[in-house]
Amino acid sequence: MKCLHCKKKFLAKDKKYLPFCSSRCKSLDLSDWLSEANKISDSLNPDQDKF
């Protein structure tokens, strides 16, 4: 399995931070979402009315 953040390969059965390889990668991913470095684009459903 590959970590979603650092792309390092690891054995899923050995880790408790799935889908990440470590607590550090899990925290860094959360930080990316909170800082809006990661976001869901508006173009997922272009036919939906805007509010």
N, C-alpha and C. Protein backbone atom coordinates (compact mmCIF):
# COMPACT_ATOMS: atom_id res chain seq x y z
N MET A 1 0.85 -1.16 0.00
CA MET A 1 0.00 0.00 0.00
C MET A 1 0.90 1.23 0.00
N LYS A 2 0.44 2.32 -0.63
CA LYS A 2 1.19 3.57 -0.65
C LYS A 2 0.51 4.61 0.22
N CYS A 3 1.30 5.35 0.96
CA CYS A 3 0.80 6.44 1.79
C CYS A 3 0.20 7.52 0.89
N LEU A 4 -0.94 8.05 1.26
CA LEU A 4 -1.59 9.08 0.46
C LEU A 4 -0.83 10.40 0.48
N HIS A 5 -0.01 10.62 1.49
CA HIS A 5 0.70 11.89 1.58
C HIS A 5 2.11 11.81 0.98
N CYS A 6 2.94 10.90 1.47
CA CYS A 6 4.35 10.86 1.03
C CYS A 6 4.61 9.84 -0.07
N LYS A 7 3.63 9.01 -0.37
CA LYS A 7 3.72 7.98 -1.42
C LYS A 7 4.67 6.83 -1.08
N LYS A 8 5.13 6.75 0.17
CA LYS A 8 6.00 5.67 0.61
C LYS A 8 5.20 4.36 0.69
N LYS A 9 5.81 3.26 0.27
CA LYS A 9 5.15 1.95 0.37
C LYS A 9 5.27 1.43 1.79
N PHE A 10 4.19 0.82 2.29
CA PHE A 10 4.19 0.23 3.63
C PHE A 10 3.18 -0.90 3.68
N LEU A 11 3.32 -1.76 4.67
CA LEU A 11 2.39 -2.86 4.86
C LEU A 11 1.19 -2.37 5.66
N ALA A 12 0.02 -2.50 5.12
CA ALA A 12 -1.19 -2.00 5.77
C ALA A 12 -1.45 -2.68 7.10
N LYS A 13 -1.09 -3.93 7.24
CA LYS A 13 -1.37 -4.65 8.48
C LYS A 13 -0.52 -4.15 9.65
N ASP A 14 0.57 -3.46 9.36
CA ASP A 14 1.49 -2.99 10.40
C ASP A 14 1.20 -1.58 10.89
N LYS A 15 0.26 -0.91 10.29
CA LYS A 15 0.07 0.51 10.60
C LYS A 15 -1.31 0.80 11.18
N LYS A 16 -1.35 1.74 12.09
CA LYS A 16 -2.63 2.15 12.67
C LYS A 16 -3.10 3.50 12.13
N TYR A 17 -2.36 4.09 11.19
CA TYR A 17 -2.70 5.41 10.66
C TYR A 17 -3.25 5.35 9.24
N LEU A 18 -3.78 4.22 8.85
CA LEU A 18 -4.28 4.05 7.49
C LEU A 18 -5.23 5.16 7.09
N PRO A 19 -5.17 5.69 5.91
CA PRO A 19 -4.36 5.28 4.77
C PRO A 19 -2.99 5.97 4.71
N PHE A 20 -2.49 6.41 5.83
CA PHE A 20 -1.18 7.06 5.90
C PHE A 20 -0.18 6.13 6.55
N CYS A 21 1.11 6.37 6.31
CA CYS A 21 2.15 5.49 6.86
C CYS A 21 2.54 5.87 8.28
N SER A 22 2.20 7.09 8.71
CA SER A 22 2.63 7.55 10.03
C SER A 22 1.72 8.65 10.54
N SER A 23 1.87 8.94 11.80
CA SER A 23 1.14 10.05 12.41
C SER A 23 1.52 11.37 11.75
N ARG A 24 2.80 11.49 11.40
CA ARG A 24 3.28 12.72 10.75
C ARG A 24 2.55 12.97 9.43
N CYS A 25 2.46 11.96 8.58
CA CYS A 25 1.77 12.11 7.29
C CYS A 25 0.29 12.40 7.50
N LYS A 26 -0.31 11.78 8.47
CA LYS A 26 -1.71 12.03 8.78
C LYS A 26 -1.91 13.48 9.19
N SER A 27 -1.04 14.00 10.03
CA SER A 27 -1.12 15.39 10.48
C SER A 27 -0.84 16.38 9.35
N LEU A 28 0.14 16.06 8.51
CA LEU A 28 0.45 16.94 7.38
C LEU A 28 -0.71 17.01 6.40
N ASP A 29 -1.39 15.89 6.18
CA ASP A 29 -2.54 15.89 5.29
C ASP A 29 -3.67 16.73 5.87
N LEU A 30 -3.93 16.59 7.15
CA LEU A 30 -4.95 17.40 7.80
C LEU A 30 -4.61 18.88 7.69
N SER A 31 -3.35 19.22 7.90
CA SER A 31 -2.90 20.60 7.78
C SER A 31 -3.14 21.15 6.37
N ASP A 32 -2.90 20.33 5.36
CA ASP A 32 -3.15 20.75 3.98
C ASP A 32 -4.63 21.07 3.76
N TRP A 33 -5.52 20.26 4.32
CA TRP A 33 -6.96 20.53 4.18
C TRP A 33 -7.36 21.80 4.94
N LEU A 34 -6.82 21.97 6.14
CA LEU A 34 -7.18 23.14 6.95
C LEU A 34 -6.67 24.44 6.35
N SER A 35 -5.53 24.39 5.67
CA SER A 35 -4.97 25.59 5.04
C SER A 35 -5.50 25.78 3.62
N GLU A 36 -6.39 24.91 3.19
CA GLU A 36 -7.01 24.92 1.87
C GLU A 36 -6.01 24.67 0.74
N ALA A 37 -4.89 24.02 1.06
CA ALA A 37 -3.98 23.57 0.01
C ALA A 37 -4.65 22.43 -0.77
N ASN A 38 -5.45 21.64 -0.07
CA ASN A 38 -6.31 20.62 -0.68
C ASN A 38 -7.74 21.13 -0.63
N LYS A 39 -8.47 20.94 -1.70
CA LYS A 39 -9.88 21.32 -1.69
C LYS A 39 -10.62 20.56 -2.78
N ILE A 40 -11.91 20.50 -2.66
CA ILE A 40 -12.75 19.87 -3.67
C ILE A 40 -13.18 20.96 -4.63
N SER A 41 -12.94 20.75 -5.90
CA SER A 41 -13.23 21.79 -6.89
C SER A 41 -14.74 21.95 -7.10
N ASP A 42 -15.12 23.11 -7.60
CA ASP A 42 -16.52 23.40 -7.90
C ASP A 42 -16.98 22.68 -9.17
N SER A 43 -16.07 22.21 -9.97
CA SER A 43 -16.42 21.63 -11.26
C SER A 43 -16.89 20.18 -11.19
N LEU A 44 -17.10 19.65 -9.99
CA LEU A 44 -17.57 18.27 -9.88
C LEU A 44 -18.98 18.10 -10.43
N ASN A 45 -19.82 19.10 -10.26
CA ASN A 45 -21.19 19.04 -10.76
C ASN A 45 -21.52 20.39 -11.39
N PRO A 46 -21.12 20.63 -12.64
CA PRO A 46 -21.30 21.94 -13.26
C PRO A 46 -22.76 22.32 -13.50
N ASP A 47 -23.68 21.36 -13.49
CA ASP A 47 -25.09 21.66 -13.72
C ASP A 47 -25.82 22.13 -12.47
N GLN A 48 -25.20 21.98 -11.32
CA GLN A 48 -25.84 22.35 -10.06
C GLN A 48 -25.90 23.87 -9.93
N ASP A 49 -27.05 24.38 -9.47
CA ASP A 49 -27.21 25.82 -9.28
C ASP A 49 -26.30 26.32 -8.18
N LYS A 50 -25.76 27.52 -8.39
CA LYS A 50 -24.93 28.16 -7.36
C LYS A 50 -25.84 28.86 -6.37
N PHE A 51 -25.42 28.88 -5.11
CA PHE A 51 -26.21 29.56 -4.08
C PHE A 51 -25.84 31.00 -4.00
